[in-house]
Amino acid sequence: MTQKELKAVEIYTDGACSGNPGPGGWASILLYKGHEKVISGFTAETTNNRMEITAVIRALECLKEPCDATVYTDSSYLADAVMKKWINNWESNGWARGRKKNEVKNLDLWLTLSELMKTHSVRFIKVAGHSDNLLNNRCDKLATGEIKKAAAKSRNLSNC
């Protein structure tokens, strides 16, 4: 298979946080030729931005070979970092940003995402959050559902 024949995968993602920071959830829906893979997860203490990036990382990690991935996100932070090439500037500046050369927030995740974007051809599309994008809304419900599941599990454990 040549580089031009990469499999085209659509990825819908969302991250959620109860408090910021606080408990967080993320979710991704991967679509390929009529097949769907749904993944989601939970982190006990995190931020919304970390969950948004994590959703994309986990989805790209699911791909078994280099793919042409279109990522749909409602996160301006994530979309702008890639689409406005902030991530490229950060990397060329030694992962520092601004005149004061402050370290990029969420550096561990940006480093991982950057490496995955070197493996896959990734394009980001910014969608409006909590609107008419059914798959983005579904990801939101899955991500917030992860937070609710963890809270319920914690309540059940505290009742012992």
Protein backbone atom coordinates (compact mmCIF):
# COMPACT_ATOMS: atom_id res chain seq x y z
CA MET A 1 0.00 0.00 0.00
CA THR A 2 1.48 3.35 -0.97
CA GLN A 3 1.33 6.49 1.15
CA LYS A 4 -1.53 7.79 -1.06
CA GLU A 5 -3.68 4.75 -0.27
CA LEU A 6 -4.06 5.27 3.46
CA LYS A 7 -7.31 4.08 4.99
CA ALA A 8 -9.65 7.00 5.65
CA VAL A 9 -10.96 7.03 9.23
CA GLU A 10 -13.33 9.56 10.78
CA ILE A 11 -12.87 10.21 14.49
CA TYR A 12 -15.32 12.11 16.71
CA THR A 13 -14.04 13.08 20.15
CA ASP A 14 -15.02 14.90 23.30
CA GLY A 15 -13.73 15.46 26.79
CA ALA A 16 -15.57 16.50 29.92
CA CYS A 17 -14.66 17.53 33.43
CA SER A 18 -16.73 17.96 36.59
CA GLY A 19 -14.98 20.98 38.03
CA ASN A 20 -11.84 22.17 36.32
CA PRO A 21 -9.74 20.53 37.63
CA GLY A 22 -11.79 17.61 38.81
CA PRO A 23 -12.88 14.15 37.71
CA GLY A 24 -12.90 13.85 33.93
CA GLY A 25 -14.05 11.63 31.13
CA TRP A 26 -13.21 11.33 27.45
CA ALA A 27 -14.76 9.51 24.52
CA SER A 28 -14.05 8.79 20.87
CA ILE A 29 -16.02 7.22 18.06
CA LEU A 30 -13.98 5.85 15.16
CA LEU A 31 -15.69 5.20 11.83
CA TYR A 32 -14.25 3.16 8.96
CA LYS A 33 -16.22 1.73 6.02
CA GLY A 34 -19.46 1.38 7.97
CA HIS A 35 -17.76 0.00 11.08
CA GLU A 36 -17.81 1.84 14.38
CA LYS A 37 -15.53 1.56 17.39
CA VAL A 38 -16.46 3.41 20.59
CA ILE A 39 -13.89 4.01 23.32
CA SER A 40 -14.06 6.04 26.51
CA GLY A 41 -12.32 6.46 29.82
CA PHE A 42 -12.02 8.27 33.12
CA THR A 43 -9.35 10.18 35.03
CA ALA A 44 -9.82 11.04 38.71
CA GLU A 45 -8.17 14.48 38.76
CA THR A 46 -7.73 16.33 35.48
CA THR A 47 -8.87 19.24 33.34
CA ASN A 48 -11.25 19.53 30.44
CA ASN A 49 -8.40 20.35 28.04
CA ARG A 50 -6.50 17.23 29.09
CA MET A 51 -9.58 15.11 28.43
CA GLU A 52 -10.08 16.68 24.98
CA ILE A 53 -6.49 15.84 23.97
CA THR A 54 -6.66 12.39 25.57
CA ALA A 55 -9.73 11.49 23.48
CA VAL A 56 -7.79 12.13 20.26
CA ILE A 57 -4.67 10.33 21.48
CA ARG A 58 -6.60 7.22 22.52
CA ALA A 59 -8.42 7.14 19.18
CA LEU A 60 -5.22 7.47 17.14
CA GLU A 61 -3.60 4.77 19.29
CA CYS A 62 -6.38 2.39 18.22
CA LEU A 63 -5.31 2.60 14.57
CA LYS A 64 -3.30 -0.49 13.64
CA GLU A 65 -1.51 1.11 10.69
CA PRO A 66 -0.88 4.61 9.36
CA CYS A 67 -4.23 6.15 8.38
CA ASP A 68 -5.73 9.29 6.93
CA ALA A 69 -7.67 10.46 9.98
CA THR A 70 -10.20 13.26 10.11
CA VAL A 71 -10.78 14.33 13.71
CA TYR A 72 -13.95 16.19 14.66
CA THR A 73 -13.66 18.12 17.93
CA ASP A 74 -15.60 20.86 19.68
CA SER A 75 -12.47 21.96 21.56
CA SER A 76 -11.17 25.33 20.36
CA TYR A 77 -8.01 24.72 22.42
CA LEU A 78 -7.26 21.48 20.58
CA ALA A 79 -8.43 22.56 17.11
CA ASP A 80 -6.59 25.89 17.25
CA ALA A 81 -3.38 24.28 18.48
CA VAL A 82 -3.30 22.06 15.39
CA MET A 83 -5.11 24.09 12.73
CA LYS A 84 -3.32 27.36 13.55
CA LYS A 85 -0.05 25.45 13.81
CA TRP A 86 0.59 26.43 17.43
CA ILE A 87 1.84 22.89 18.04
CA ASN A 88 4.44 23.30 15.26
CA ASN A 89 5.63 26.58 16.78
CA TRP A 90 5.78 25.07 20.27
CA GLU A 91 7.84 22.16 19.00
CA SER A 92 10.25 24.38 17.07
CA ASN A 93 10.63 26.55 20.22
CA GLY A 94 11.58 23.55 22.35
CA TRP A 95 8.00 23.19 23.60
CA ALA A 96 7.95 26.71 24.98
CA ARG A 97 5.40 29.38 24.16
CA GLY A 98 5.22 33.13 24.22
CA ARG A 99 7.93 35.74 24.66
CA LYS A 100 8.70 34.49 28.15
CA LYS A 101 9.17 30.96 26.78
CA ASN A 102 6.75 29.43 29.28
CA GLU A 103 6.41 25.66 29.09
CA VAL A 104 3.40 24.54 27.11
CA LYS A 105 0.58 23.33 29.35
CA ASN A 106 -0.29 19.63 29.01
CA LEU A 107 3.15 19.02 27.50
CA ASP A 108 3.05 15.26 28.06
CA LEU A 109 -0.11 14.97 25.98
CA TRP A 110 1.05 17.35 23.23
CA LEU A 111 4.28 15.33 22.87
CA THR A 112 2.28 12.11 22.48
CA LEU A 113 -0.16 13.70 20.03
CA SER A 114 2.70 15.18 18.01
CA GLU A 115 4.31 11.75 17.62
CA LEU A 116 1.00 10.17 16.58
CA MET A 117 0.48 12.92 14.01
CA LYS A 118 3.83 11.95 12.48
CA THR A 119 2.54 8.39 12.03
CA HIS A 120 -0.89 9.30 10.68
CA SER A 121 -2.11 11.97 8.30
CA VAL A 122 -4.41 13.89 10.66
CA ARG A 123 -6.81 16.68 9.78
CA PHE A 124 -8.90 18.47 12.41
CA ILE A 125 -12.37 19.89 11.89
CA LYS A 126 -13.85 22.16 14.57
CA VAL A 127 -17.52 21.47 15.26
CA ALA A 128 -19.91 23.42 17.47
CA GLY A 129 -20.29 21.79 20.86
CA HIS A 130 -23.70 20.78 22.20
CA SER A 131 -25.40 21.50 18.87
CA ASP A 132 -26.67 19.36 16.01
CA ASN A 133 -23.62 17.14 15.48
CA LEU A 134 -25.01 13.79 16.59
CA LEU A 135 -21.69 12.01 16.98
CA ASN A 136 -20.12 14.87 18.92
CA ASN A 137 -23.17 14.89 21.20
CA ARG A 138 -22.85 11.15 21.62
CA CYS A 139 -19.19 11.53 22.61
CA ASP A 140 -20.21 14.19 25.12
CA LYS A 141 -22.74 11.80 26.70
CA LEU A 142 -20.16 9.02 26.82
CA ALA A 143 -17.51 11.28 28.39
CA THR A 144 -19.88 12.67 31.02
CA GLY A 145 -21.16 9.13 31.54
CA GLU A 146 -17.65 8.02 32.51
CA ILE A 147 -17.63 10.69 35.24
CA LYS A 148 -21.06 9.59 36.48
CA LYS A 149 -20.05 5.91 36.51
CA ALA A 150 -16.95 6.69 38.56
CA ALA A 151 -18.95 8.82 41.00
CA ALA A 152 -21.54 6.06 41.43
CA LYS A 153 -18.81 3.47 41.97
CA SER A 154 -17.18 5.73 44.56
CA ARG A 155 -20.52 6.18 46.37
CA ASN A 156 -21.07 2.41 46.38
CA LEU A 157 -17.61 1.80 47.83
CA SER A 158 -18.13 4.38 50.55
CA ASN A 159 -21.33 2.60 51.62
CA CYS A 160 -19.40 -0.56 52.57
